[in-house]
Structures are given as C-alpha cells and as structure tokens.
Full PDB file with SEQRES, HELIX, SHEET, SSBOND, CRYST1, ORIGX, SCALE, CONECT and MASTER records, all heavy atoms in Angstrom:
SEQRES   1 A   42  GLY HIS THR LYS GLY GLY VAL CYS TYR ILE ALA GLU ASP          
SEQRES   2 A   42  VAL ILE PHE THR GLY ASP THR LEU PHE PHE CYS SER CYS          
SEQRES   3 A   42  GLY ARG THR ASP PHE PRO GLY GLY SER PHE ASP GLU ILE          
SEQRES   4 A   42  LYS GLN SER                                                  
HELIX    1 AA1 PHE A   36  GLN A   41  1                                   6    
SHEET    1 AA1 2 TYR A   9  ALA A  11  0                                        
SHEET    2 AA1 2 VAL A  14  PHE A  16 -1                                        
SHEET    1 AA2 2 LEU A  21  PHE A  22  0                                        
SHEET    2 AA2 2 SER A  25  CYS A  26 -1                                        
CRYST1    1.000    1.000    1.000  90.00  90.00  90.00 P 1           1          
ORIGX1      1.000000  0.000000  0.000000        0.00000                         
ORIGX2      0.000000  1.000000  0.000000        0.00000                         
ORIGX3      0.000000  0.000000  1.000000        0.00000                         
SCALE1      1.000000  0.000000  0.000000        0.00000                         
SCALE2      0.000000  1.000000  0.000000        0.00000                         
SCALE3      0.000000  0.000000  1.000000        0.00000                         
ATOM      1  N   GLY A   1       0.499  -0.571  -5.764  1.00  0.00           N  
ATOM      2  CA  GLY A   1      -0.941  -0.312  -5.823  1.00  0.00           C  
ATOM      3  C   GLY A   1      -1.236   1.152  -5.633  1.00  0.00           C  
ATOM      4  O   GLY A   1      -1.912   1.777  -6.448  1.00  0.00           O  
ATOM      5  N   HIS A   2      -0.711   1.725  -4.548  1.00  0.00           N  
ATOM      6  CA  HIS A   2      -0.809   3.178  -4.352  1.00  0.00           C  
ATOM      7  C   HIS A   2       0.167   3.870  -5.287  1.00  0.00           C  
ATOM      8  O   HIS A   2      -0.157   4.889  -5.904  1.00  0.00           O  
ATOM      9  CB  HIS A   2      -0.522   3.517  -2.895  1.00  0.00           C  
ATOM     10  CG  HIS A   2      -0.618   4.974  -2.573  1.00  0.00           C  
ATOM     11  ND1 HIS A   2      -1.791   5.698  -2.678  1.00  0.00           N  
ATOM     12  CD2 HIS A   2       0.326   5.862  -2.151  1.00  0.00           C  
ATOM     13  CE1 HIS A   2      -1.575   6.962  -2.344  1.00  0.00           C  
ATOM     14  NE2 HIS A   2      -0.300   7.084  -2.020  1.00  0.00           N  
ATOM     15  N   THR A   3       1.375   3.338  -5.367  1.00  0.00           N  
ATOM     16  CA  THR A   3       2.357   3.697  -6.394  1.00  0.00           C  
ATOM     17  C   THR A   3       2.942   2.396  -6.925  1.00  0.00           C  
ATOM     18  O   THR A   3       2.798   1.341  -6.313  1.00  0.00           O  
ATOM     19  CB  THR A   3       3.504   4.577  -5.852  1.00  0.00           C  
ATOM     20  OG1 THR A   3       4.264   3.811  -4.908  1.00  0.00           O  
ATOM     21  CG2 THR A   3       2.971   5.836  -5.188  1.00  0.00           C  
ATOM     22  N   LYS A   4       3.652   2.478  -8.036  1.00  0.00           N  
ATOM     23  CA  LYS A   4       4.275   1.289  -8.621  1.00  0.00           C  
ATOM     24  C   LYS A   4       5.305   0.686  -7.694  1.00  0.00           C  
ATOM     25  O   LYS A   4       5.495  -0.528  -7.656  1.00  0.00           O  
ATOM     26  CB  LYS A   4       4.927   1.634  -9.965  1.00  0.00           C  
ATOM     27  CG  LYS A   4       3.980   1.659 -11.144  1.00  0.00           C  
ATOM     28  CD  LYS A   4       3.449   0.258 -11.422  1.00  0.00           C  
ATOM     29  CE  LYS A   4       2.515   0.260 -12.628  1.00  0.00           C  
ATOM     30  NZ  LYS A   4       1.887  -1.071 -12.806  1.00  0.00           N  
ATOM     31  N   GLY A   5       6.010   1.543  -6.961  1.00  0.00           N  
ATOM     32  CA  GLY A   5       7.100   1.065  -6.124  1.00  0.00           C  
ATOM     33  C   GLY A   5       6.836   1.128  -4.636  1.00  0.00           C  
ATOM     34  O   GLY A   5       7.795   1.173  -3.844  1.00  0.00           O  
ATOM     35  N   GLY A   6       5.599   1.127  -4.236  1.00  0.00           N  
ATOM     36  CA  GLY A   6       5.299   1.174  -2.810  1.00  0.00           C  
ATOM     37  C   GLY A   6       5.839  -0.049  -2.086  1.00  0.00           C  
ATOM     38  O   GLY A   6       5.774  -1.174  -2.603  1.00  0.00           O  
ATOM     39  N   VAL A   7       6.408   0.159  -0.908  1.00  0.00           N  
ATOM     40  CA  VAL A   7       6.903  -0.947  -0.099  1.00  0.00           C  
ATOM     41  C   VAL A   7       6.480  -0.758   1.354  1.00  0.00           C  
ATOM     42  O   VAL A   7       6.188   0.363   1.794  1.00  0.00           O  
ATOM     43  CB  VAL A   7       8.448  -1.077  -0.155  1.00  0.00           C  
ATOM     44  CG1 VAL A   7       8.925  -1.332  -1.579  1.00  0.00           C  
ATOM     45  CG2 VAL A   7       9.135   0.145   0.439  1.00  0.00           C  
ATOM     46  N   CYS A   8       6.458  -1.863   2.083  1.00  0.00           N  
ATOM     47  CA  CYS A   8       6.335  -1.840   3.537  1.00  0.00           C  
ATOM     48  C   CYS A   8       7.659  -2.299   4.123  1.00  0.00           C  
ATOM     49  O   CYS A   8       8.430  -3.012   3.473  1.00  0.00           O  
ATOM     50  CB  CYS A   8       5.219  -2.773   3.999  1.00  0.00           C  
ATOM     51  SG  CYS A   8       3.559  -2.331   3.430  1.00  0.00           S  
ATOM     52  N   TYR A   9       7.918  -1.900   5.345  1.00  0.00           N  
ATOM     53  CA  TYR A   9       9.122  -2.331   6.054  1.00  0.00           C  
ATOM     54  C   TYR A   9       8.703  -3.100   7.299  1.00  0.00           C  
ATOM     55  O   TYR A   9       7.875  -2.622   8.084  1.00  0.00           O  
ATOM     56  CB  TYR A   9       9.976  -1.122   6.446  1.00  0.00           C  
ATOM     57  CG  TYR A   9      10.519  -0.358   5.265  1.00  0.00           C  
ATOM     58  CD1 TYR A   9       9.866   0.785   4.789  1.00  0.00           C  
ATOM     59  CD2 TYR A   9      11.675  -0.774   4.615  1.00  0.00           C  
ATOM     60  CE1 TYR A   9      10.353   1.490   3.700  1.00  0.00           C  
ATOM     61  CE2 TYR A   9      12.174  -0.077   3.527  1.00  0.00           C  
ATOM     62  CZ  TYR A   9      11.513   1.050   3.076  1.00  0.00           C  
ATOM     63  OH  TYR A   9      12.005   1.746   1.979  1.00  0.00           O  
ATOM     64  N   ILE A  10       9.271  -4.293   7.464  1.00  0.00           N  
ATOM     65  CA  ILE A  10       8.922  -5.160   8.588  1.00  0.00           C  
ATOM     66  C   ILE A  10      10.107  -5.243   9.540  1.00  0.00           C  
ATOM     67  O   ILE A  10      11.223  -5.603   9.134  1.00  0.00           O  
ATOM     68  CB  ILE A  10       8.549  -6.570   8.101  1.00  0.00           C  
ATOM     69  CG1 ILE A  10       7.436  -6.504   7.043  1.00  0.00           C  
ATOM     70  CG2 ILE A  10       8.119  -7.446   9.282  1.00  0.00           C  
ATOM     71  CD1 ILE A  10       7.139  -7.833   6.383  1.00  0.00           C  
ATOM     72  N   ALA A  11       9.866  -4.905  10.806  1.00  0.00           N  
ATOM     73  CA  ALA A  11      10.902  -4.984  11.831  1.00  0.00           C  
ATOM     74  C   ALA A  11      10.290  -5.607  13.075  1.00  0.00           C  
ATOM     75  O   ALA A  11       9.373  -5.033  13.676  1.00  0.00           O  
ATOM     76  CB  ALA A  11      11.467  -3.602  12.149  1.00  0.00           C  
ATOM     77  N   GLU A  12      10.766  -6.781  13.432  1.00  0.00           N  
ATOM     78  CA  GLU A  12      10.231  -7.531  14.570  1.00  0.00           C  
ATOM     79  C   GLU A  12       8.710  -7.678  14.456  1.00  0.00           C  
ATOM     80  O   GLU A  12       8.224  -8.292  13.527  1.00  0.00           O  
ATOM     81  CB  GLU A  12      10.668  -6.889  15.892  1.00  0.00           C  
ATOM     82  CG  GLU A  12      12.174  -7.000  16.122  1.00  0.00           C  
ATOM     83  CD  GLU A  12      12.621  -6.484  17.473  1.00  0.00           C  
ATOM     84  OE1 GLU A  12      11.811  -5.923  18.234  1.00  0.00           O  
ATOM     85  OE2 GLU A  12      13.820  -6.640  17.783  1.00  0.00           O  
ATOM     86  N   ASP A  13       7.942  -7.073  15.357  1.00  0.00           N  
ATOM     87  CA  ASP A  13       6.485  -7.269  15.333  1.00  0.00           C  
ATOM     88  C   ASP A  13       5.746  -6.079  14.742  1.00  0.00           C  
ATOM     89  O   ASP A  13       4.547  -5.907  14.969  1.00  0.00           O  
ATOM     90  CB  ASP A  13       5.964  -7.547  16.748  1.00  0.00           C  
ATOM     91  CG  ASP A  13       6.174  -6.370  17.698  1.00  0.00           C  
ATOM     92  OD1 ASP A  13       6.971  -5.473  17.364  1.00  0.00           O  
ATOM     93  OD2 ASP A  13       5.537  -6.352  18.771  1.00  0.00           O  
ATOM     94  N   VAL A  14       6.451  -5.250  13.972  1.00  0.00           N  
ATOM     95  CA  VAL A  14       5.862  -4.035  13.406  1.00  0.00           C  
ATOM     96  C   VAL A  14       5.985  -4.050  11.883  1.00  0.00           C  
ATOM     97  O   VAL A  14       7.016  -4.443  11.335  1.00  0.00           O  
ATOM     98  CB  VAL A  14       6.570  -2.777  13.948  1.00  0.00           C  
ATOM     99  CG1 VAL A  14       5.952  -1.510  13.355  1.00  0.00           C  
ATOM    100  CG2 VAL A  14       6.501  -2.735  15.473  1.00  0.00           C  
ATOM    101  N   ILE A  15       4.920  -3.624  11.204  1.00  0.00           N  
ATOM    102  CA  ILE A  15       4.978  -3.371   9.766  1.00  0.00           C  
ATOM    103  C   ILE A  15       4.643  -1.902   9.540  1.00  0.00           C  
ATOM    104  O   ILE A  15       3.577  -1.423   9.947  1.00  0.00           O  
ATOM    105  CB  ILE A  15       3.999  -4.239   8.955  1.00  0.00           C  
ATOM    106  CG1 ILE A  15       4.218  -5.728   9.228  1.00  0.00           C  
ATOM    107  CG2 ILE A  15       4.161  -3.953   7.461  1.00  0.00           C  
ATOM    108  CD1 ILE A  15       3.247  -6.630   8.473  1.00  0.00           C  
ATOM    109  N   PHE A  16       5.551  -1.187   8.903  1.00  0.00           N  
ATOM    110  CA  PHE A  16       5.314   0.201   8.503  1.00  0.00           C  
ATOM    111  C   PHE A  16       4.687   0.146   7.110  1.00  0.00           C  
ATOM    112  O   PHE A  16       5.349  -0.194   6.127  1.00  0.00           O  
ATOM    113  CB  PHE A  16       6.627   0.981   8.499  1.00  0.00           C  
ATOM    114  CG  PHE A  16       7.303   1.016   9.846  1.00  0.00           C  
ATOM    115  CD1 PHE A  16       8.286   0.099  10.169  1.00  0.00           C  
ATOM    116  CD2 PHE A  16       6.934   1.963  10.797  1.00  0.00           C  
ATOM    117  CE1 PHE A  16       8.901   0.117  11.417  1.00  0.00           C  
ATOM    118  CE2 PHE A  16       7.538   1.991  12.050  1.00  0.00           C  
ATOM    119  CZ  PHE A  16       8.530   1.056  12.357  1.00  0.00           C  
ATOM    120  N   THR A  17       3.401   0.465   7.041  1.00  0.00           N  
ATOM    121  CA  THR A  17       2.631   0.182   5.821  1.00  0.00           C  
ATOM    122  C   THR A  17       2.511   1.356   4.861  1.00  0.00           C  
ATOM    123  O   THR A  17       1.932   1.205   3.788  1.00  0.00           O  
ATOM    124  CB  THR A  17       1.216  -0.308   6.185  1.00  0.00           C  
ATOM    125  OG1 THR A  17       0.530   0.718   6.915  1.00  0.00           O  
ATOM    126  CG2 THR A  17       1.281  -1.576   7.025  1.00  0.00           C  
ATOM    127  N   GLY A  18       3.051   2.513   5.225  1.00  0.00           N  
ATOM    128  CA  GLY A  18       2.965   3.658   4.319  1.00  0.00           C  
ATOM    129  C   GLY A  18       1.529   3.948   3.941  1.00  0.00           C  
ATOM    130  O   GLY A  18       0.629   3.959   4.789  1.00  0.00           O  
ATOM    131  N   ASP A  19       1.297   4.154   2.641  1.00  0.00           N  
ATOM    132  CA  ASP A  19      -0.062   4.419   2.167  1.00  0.00           C  
ATOM    133  C   ASP A  19      -0.680   3.201   1.497  1.00  0.00           C  
ATOM    134  O   ASP A  19      -1.616   3.319   0.706  1.00  0.00           O  
ATOM    135  CB  ASP A  19      -0.062   5.612   1.198  1.00  0.00           C  
ATOM    136  CG  ASP A  19       0.120   6.940   1.912  1.00  0.00           C  
ATOM    137  OD1 ASP A  19       0.350   6.930   3.133  1.00  0.00           O  
ATOM    138  OD2 ASP A  19       0.054   7.987   1.239  1.00  0.00           O  
ATOM    139  N   THR A  20      -0.157   2.022   1.829  1.00  0.00           N  
ATOM    140  CA  THR A  20      -0.760   0.790   1.330  1.00  0.00           C  
ATOM    141  C   THR A  20      -1.972   0.407   2.157  1.00  0.00           C  
ATOM    142  O   THR A  20      -3.052   0.141   1.631  1.00  0.00           O  
ATOM    143  CB  THR A  20       0.260  -0.366   1.342  1.00  0.00           C  
ATOM    144  OG1 THR A  20       1.330  -0.060   0.439  1.00  0.00           O  
ATOM    145  CG2 THR A  20      -0.391  -1.671   0.921  1.00  0.00           C  
ATOM    146  N   LEU A  21      -1.808   0.407   3.473  1.00  0.00           N  
ATOM    147  CA  LEU A  21      -2.855  -0.065   4.378  1.00  0.00           C  
ATOM    148  C   LEU A  21      -3.071   0.938   5.497  1.00  0.00           C  
ATOM    149  O   LEU A  21      -2.127   1.337   6.177  1.00  0.00           O  
ATOM    150  CB  LEU A  21      -2.448  -1.422   4.968  1.00  0.00           C  
ATOM    151  CG  LEU A  21      -3.343  -2.032   6.050  1.00  0.00           C  
ATOM    152  CD1 LEU A  21      -4.752  -2.245   5.523  1.00  0.00           C  
ATOM    153  CD2 LEU A  21      -2.749  -3.340   6.545  1.00  0.00           C  
ATOM    154  N   PHE A  22      -4.310   1.360   5.662  1.00  0.00           N  
ATOM    155  CA  PHE A  22      -4.714   2.253   6.745  1.00  0.00           C  
ATOM    156  C   PHE A  22      -5.692   1.532   7.672  1.00  0.00           C  
ATOM    157  O   PHE A  22      -6.166   0.444   7.371  1.00  0.00           O  
ATOM    158  CB  PHE A  22      -5.416   3.502   6.188  1.00  0.00           C  
ATOM    159  CG  PHE A  22      -4.597   4.317   5.245  1.00  0.00           C  
ATOM    160  CD1 PHE A  22      -5.140   4.759   4.047  1.00  0.00           C  
ATOM    161  CD2 PHE A  22      -3.290   4.664   5.535  1.00  0.00           C  
ATOM    162  CE1 PHE A  22      -4.409   5.533   3.167  1.00  0.00           C  
ATOM    163  CE2 PHE A  22      -2.536   5.442   4.671  1.00  0.00           C  
ATOM    164  CZ  PHE A  22      -3.098   5.878   3.483  1.00  0.00           C  
ATOM    165  N   PHE A  23      -6.018   2.193   8.765  1.00  0.00           N  
ATOM    166  CA  PHE A  23      -7.049   1.705   9.664  1.00  0.00           C  
ATOM    167  C   PHE A  23      -8.358   1.542   8.888  1.00  0.00           C  
ATOM    168  O   PHE A  23      -8.937   2.519   8.399  1.00  0.00           O  
ATOM    169  CB  PHE A  23      -7.232   2.675  10.825  1.00  0.00           C  
ATOM    170  CG  PHE A  23      -8.336   2.324  11.780  1.00  0.00           C  
ATOM    171  CD1 PHE A  23      -8.123   1.406  12.796  1.00  0.00           C  
ATOM    172  CD2 PHE A  23      -9.590   2.906  11.661  1.00  0.00           C  
ATOM    173  CE1 PHE A  23      -9.141   1.077  13.685  1.00  0.00           C  
ATOM    174  CE2 PHE A  23     -10.608   2.589  12.536  1.00  0.00           C  
ATOM    175  CZ  PHE A  23     -10.384   1.668  13.552  1.00  0.00           C  
ATOM    176  N   CYS A  24      -8.802   0.304   8.718  1.00  0.00           N  
ATOM    177  CA  CYS A  24     -10.054  -0.022   8.014  1.00  0.00           C  
ATOM    178  C   CYS A  24     -10.123   0.542   6.600  1.00  0.00           C  
ATOM    179  O   CYS A  24     -11.215   0.791   6.079  1.00  0.00           O  
ATOM    180  CB  CYS A  24     -11.257   0.431   8.833  1.00  0.00           C  
ATOM    181  SG  CYS A  24     -11.527  -0.583  10.304  1.00  0.00           S  
ATOM    182  N   SER A  25      -8.987   0.755   5.976  1.00  0.00           N  
ATOM    183  CA  SER A  25      -8.987   1.317   4.623  1.00  0.00           C  
ATOM    184  C   SER A  25      -7.668   0.977   3.940  1.00  0.00           C  
ATOM    185  O   SER A  25      -6.850   0.216   4.467  1.00  0.00           O  
ATOM    186  CB  SER A  25      -9.195   2.837   4.688  1.00  0.00           C  
ATOM    187  OG  SER A  25      -9.379   3.376   3.396  1.00  0.00           O  
ATOM    188  N   CYS A  26      -7.482   1.563   2.764  1.00  0.00           N  
ATOM    189  CA  CYS A  26      -6.228   1.375   2.033  1.00  0.00           C  
ATOM    190  C   CYS A  26      -5.949   2.637   1.222  1.00  0.00           C  
ATOM    191  O   CYS A  26      -6.783   3.539   1.117  1.00  0.00           O  
ATOM    192  CB  CYS A  26      -6.291   0.155   1.120  1.00  0.00           C  
ATOM    193  SG  CYS A  26      -7.403   0.304  -0.299  1.00  0.00           S  
ATOM    194  N   GLY A  27      -4.770   2.701   0.644  1.00  0.00           N  
ATOM    195  CA  GLY A  27      -4.373   3.871  -0.131  1.00  0.00           C  
ATOM    196  C   GLY A  27      -5.178   4.016  -1.411  1.00  0.00           C  
ATOM    197  O   GLY A  27      -5.611   3.020  -2.000  1.00  0.00           O  
ATOM    198  N   ARG A  28      -5.354   5.258  -1.824  1.00  0.00           N  
ATOM    199  CA  ARG A  28      -6.083   5.504  -3.069  1.00  0.00           C  
ATOM    200  C   ARG A  28      -5.247   5.049  -4.262  1.00  0.00           C  
ATOM    201  O   ARG A  28      -4.013   5.036  -4.214  1.00  0.00           O  
ATOM    202  CB  ARG A  28      -6.480   6.969  -3.190  1.00  0.00           C  
ATOM    203  CG  ARG A  28      -5.351   7.950  -3.072  1.00  0.00           C  
ATOM    204  CD  ARG A  28      -5.841   9.373  -2.946  1.00  0.00           C  
ATOM    205  NE  ARG A  28      -6.537   9.837  -4.149  1.00  0.00           N  
ATOM    206  CZ  ARG A  28      -7.074  11.053  -4.288  1.00  0.00           C  
ATOM    207  NH1 ARG A  28      -7.008  11.915  -3.274  1.00  0.00           N  
ATOM    208  NH2 ARG A  28      -7.678  11.399  -5.398  1.00  0.00           N  
ATOM    209  N   THR A  29      -5.914   4.722  -5.338  1.00  0.00           N  
ATOM    210  CA  THR A  29      -5.232   4.148  -6.504  1.00  0.00           C  
ATOM    211  C   THR A  29      -5.487   4.932  -7.781  1.00  0.00           C  
ATOM    212  O   THR A  29      -5.189   4.452  -8.872  1.00  0.00           O  
ATOM    213  CB  THR A  29      -5.682   2.684  -6.707  1.00  0.00           C  
ATOM    214  OG1 THR A  29      -7.109   2.646  -6.907  1.00  0.00           O  
ATOM    215  CG2 THR A  29      -5.315   1.829  -5.508  1.00  0.00           C  
ATOM    216  N   ASP A  30      -6.000   6.152  -7.641  1.00  0.00           N  
ATOM    217  CA  ASP A  30      -6.335   6.942  -8.819  1.00  0.00           C  
ATOM    218  C   ASP A  30      -5.231   7.903  -9.243  1.00  0.00           C  
ATOM    219  O   ASP A  30      -5.406   8.679 -10.183  1.00  0.00           O  
ATOM    220  CB  ASP A  30      -7.647   7.715  -8.600  1.00  0.00           C  
ATOM    221  CG  ASP A  30      -7.614   8.613  -7.371  1.00  0.00           C  
ATOM    222  OD1 ASP A  30      -6.781   8.366  -6.477  1.00  0.00           O  
ATOM    223  OD2 ASP A  30      -8.424   9.560  -7.302  1.00  0.00           O  
ATOM    224  N   PHE A  31      -4.081   7.857  -8.579  1.00  0.00           N  
ATOM    225  CA  PHE A  31      -2.935   8.654  -9.015  1.00  0.00           C  
ATOM    226  C   PHE A  31      -2.166   7.895 -10.092  1.00  0.00           C  
ATOM    227  O   PHE A  31      -2.320   6.669 -10.222  1.00  0.00           O  
ATOM    228  CB  PHE A  31      -2.005   8.931  -7.825  1.00  0.00           C  
ATOM    229  CG  PHE A  31      -2.573   9.841  -6.775  1.00  0.00           C  
ATOM    230  CD1 PHE A  31      -2.508   9.490  -5.436  1.00  0.00           C  
ATOM    231  CD2 PHE A  31      -3.164  11.048  -7.119  1.00  0.00           C  
ATOM    232  CE1 PHE A  31      -3.018  10.328  -4.457  1.00  0.00           C  
ATOM    233  CE2 PHE A  31      -3.683  11.892  -6.140  1.00  0.00           C  
ATOM    234  CZ  PHE A  31      -3.610  11.534  -4.817  1.00  0.00           C  
ATOM    235  N   PRO A  32      -1.313   8.595 -10.863  1.00  0.00           N  
ATOM    236  CA  PRO A  32      -0.484   7.895 -11.850  1.00  0.00           C  
ATOM    237  C   PRO A  32       0.317   6.774 -11.186  1.00  0.00           C  
ATOM    238  O   PRO A  32       0.912   6.956 -10.124  1.00  0.00           O  
ATOM    239  CB  PRO A  32       0.435   8.991 -12.380  1.00  0.00           C  
ATOM    240  CG  PRO A  32      -0.354  10.258 -12.213  1.00  0.00           C  
ATOM    241  CD  PRO A  32      -1.135  10.070 -10.929  1.00  0.00           C  
ATOM    242  N   GLY A  33       0.305   5.614 -11.805  1.00  0.00           N  
ATOM    243  CA  GLY A  33       1.019   4.461 -11.261  1.00  0.00           C  
ATOM    244  C   GLY A  33       0.203   3.646 -10.281  1.00  0.00           C  
ATOM    245  O   GLY A  33       0.641   2.574  -9.842  1.00  0.00           O  
ATOM    246  N   GLY A  34      -0.988   4.130  -9.939  1.00  0.00           N  
ATOM    247  CA  GLY A  34      -1.840   3.402  -9.013  1.00  0.00           C  
ATOM    248  C   GLY A  34      -2.618   2.302  -9.703  1.00  0.00           C  
ATOM    249  O   GLY A  34      -2.892   2.366 -10.907  1.00  0.00           O  
ATOM    250  N   SER A  35      -2.988   1.283  -8.960  1.00  0.00           N  
ATOM    251  CA  SER A  35      -3.757   0.173  -9.509  1.00  0.00           C  
ATOM    252  C   SER A  35      -4.536  -0.495  -8.387  1.00  0.00           C  
ATOM    253  O   SER A  35      -3.939  -0.976  -7.415  1.00  0.00           O  
ATOM    254  CB  SER A  35      -2.832  -0.858 -10.171  1.00  0.00           C  
ATOM    255  OG  SER A  35      -3.514  -2.079 -10.406  1.00  0.00           O  
ATOM    256  N   PHE A  36      -5.844  -0.540  -8.515  1.00  0.00           N  
ATOM    257  CA  PHE A  36      -6.661  -1.182  -7.495  1.00  0.00           C  
ATOM    258  C   PHE A  36      -6.383  -2.683  -7.437  1.00  0.00           C  
ATOM    259  O   PHE A  36      -6.315  -3.270  -6.357  1.00  0.00           O  
ATOM    260  CB  PHE A  36      -8.146  -0.933  -7.745  1.00  0.00           C  
ATOM    261  CG  PHE A  36      -9.028  -1.490  -6.668  1.00  0.00           C  
ATOM    262  CD1 PHE A  36      -9.103  -0.878  -5.422  1.00  0.00           C  
ATOM    263  CD2 PHE A  36      -9.770  -2.651  -6.874  1.00  0.00           C  
ATOM    264  CE1 PHE A  36      -9.907  -1.400  -4.410  1.00  0.00           C  
ATOM    265  CE2 PHE A  36     -10.573  -3.170  -5.875  1.00  0.00           C  
ATOM    266  CZ  PHE A  36     -10.635  -2.553  -4.642  1.00  0.00           C  
ATOM    267  N   ASP A  37      -6.202  -3.308  -8.610  1.00  0.00           N  
ATOM    268  CA  ASP A  37      -5.900  -4.735  -8.635  1.00  0.00           C  
ATOM    269  C   ASP A  37      -4.592  -5.019  -7.898  1.00  0.00           C  
ATOM    270  O   ASP A  37      -4.492  -5.995  -7.139  1.00  0.00           O  
ATOM    271  CB  ASP A  37      -5.814  -5.251 -10.071  1.00  0.00           C  
ATOM    272  CG  ASP A  37      -7.168  -5.322 -10.754  1.00  0.00           C  
ATOM    273  OD1 ASP A  37      -8.189  -5.350 -10.031  1.00  0.00           O  
ATOM    274  OD2 ASP A  37      -7.210  -5.359 -11.991  1.00  0.00           O  
ATOM    275  N   GLU A  38      -3.596  -4.159  -8.112  1.00  0.00           N  
ATOM    276  CA  GLU A  38      -2.307  -4.368  -7.465  1.00  0.00           C  
ATOM    277  C   GLU A  38      -2.379  -4.148  -5.953  1.00  0.00           C  
ATOM    278  O   GLU A  38      -1.774  -4.906  -5.190  1.00  0.00           O  
ATOM    279  CB  GLU A  38      -1.245  -3.462  -8.075  1.00  0.00           C  
ATOM    280  CG  GLU A  38      -0.777  -3.908  -9.456  1.00  0.00           C  
ATOM    281  CD  GLU A  38       0.394  -3.099  -9.963  1.00  0.00           C  
ATOM    282  OE1 GLU A  38       0.668  -2.002  -9.417  1.00  0.00           O  
ATOM    283  OE2 GLU A  38       1.053  -3.557 -10.909  1.00  0.00           O  
ATOM    284  N   ILE A  39      -3.123  -3.134  -5.534  1.00  0.00           N  
ATOM    285  CA  ILE A  39      -3.191  -2.906  -4.089  1.00  0.00           C  
ATOM    286  C   ILE A  39      -3.975  -4.027  -3.403  1.00  0.00           C  
ATOM    287  O   ILE A  39      -3.651  -4.414  -2.273  1.00  0.00           O  
ATOM    288  CB  ILE A  39      -3.765  -1.514  -3.749  1.00  0.00           C  
ATOM    289  CG1 ILE A  39      -3.219  -1.041  -2.391  1.00  0.00           C  
ATOM    290  CG2 ILE A  39      -5.290  -1.492  -3.717  1.00  0.00           C  
ATOM    291  CD1 ILE A  39      -3.407   0.429  -2.101  1.00  0.00           C  
ATOM    292  N   LYS A  40      -4.956  -4.592  -4.073  1.00  0.00           N  
ATOM    293  CA  LYS A  40      -5.667  -5.737  -3.509  1.00  0.00           C  
ATOM    294  C   LYS A  40      -4.719  -6.927  -3.348  1.00  0.00           C  
ATOM    295  O   LYS A  40      -4.753  -7.626  -2.324  1.00  0.00           O  
ATOM    296  CB  LYS A  40      -6.848  -6.126  -4.405  1.00  0.00           C  
ATOM    297  CG  LYS A  40      -8.066  -5.233  -4.250  1.00  0.00           C  
ATOM    298  CD  LYS A  40      -8.782  -5.495  -2.932  1.00  0.00           C  
ATOM    299  CE  LYS A  40      -9.470  -6.850  -2.922  1.00  0.00           C  
ATOM    300  NZ  LYS A  40     -10.186  -7.097  -1.638  1.00  0.00           N  
ATOM    301  N   GLN A  41      -3.868  -7.144  -4.331  1.00  0.00           N  
ATOM    302  CA  GLN A  41      -2.889  -8.225  -4.229  1.00  0.00           C  
ATOM    303  C   GLN A  41      -1.905  -7.959  -3.091  1.00  0.00           C  
ATOM    304  O   GLN A  41      -1.517  -8.884  -2.358  1.00  0.00           O  
ATOM    305  CB  GLN A  41      -2.145  -8.382  -5.556  1.00  0.00           C  
ATOM    306  CG  GLN A  41      -3.010  -8.886  -6.698  1.00  0.00           C  
ATOM    307  CD  GLN A  41      -2.294  -8.842  -8.041  1.00  0.00           C  
ATOM    308  OE1 GLN A  41      -1.079  -8.668  -8.109  1.00  0.00           O  
ATOM    309  NE2 GLN A  41      -3.042  -8.998  -9.110  1.00  0.00           N  
ATOM    310  N   SER A  42      -1.507  -6.694  -2.947  1.00  0.00           N  
ATOM    311  CA  SER A  42      -0.587  -6.334  -1.865  1.00  0.00           C  
ATOM    312  C   SER A  42      -1.238  -6.548  -0.502  1.00  0.00           C  
ATOM    313  O   SER A  42      -0.607  -7.059   0.434  1.00  0.00           O  
ATOM    314  CB  SER A  42      -0.149  -4.871  -2.017  1.00  0.00           C  
ATOM    315  OG  SER A  42       0.616  -4.687  -3.195  1.00  0.00           O  
TER     316      SER A  42                                                      
MASTER        0    0    0    1    4    0    0    6  315    1    0    4          
END                                                                             
C-alpha cells in the first residue's frame, strides 16, 4: 500500500509496522507503487 513490497514484522506481542500504520494514521500512497486500496486491505 505504501510500497508494493511493504511488510510488517511480528515478534511476540509487538508488530513493527513501518510506514503502513502510524498513530491514528497510515502511510501515504501517492508515491510510485503506492495504492490506497491496498493499504486499506493491509
């Protein structure tokens, strides 16, 4: 969504969300490879 290959990493009770999910927000999708529909699904 933010990029075509964006991933999160889950370890025990923590998710490292990168630029997919922020505090009360999410990553922008207007860069090449970005997609609002995809980030919503993510």
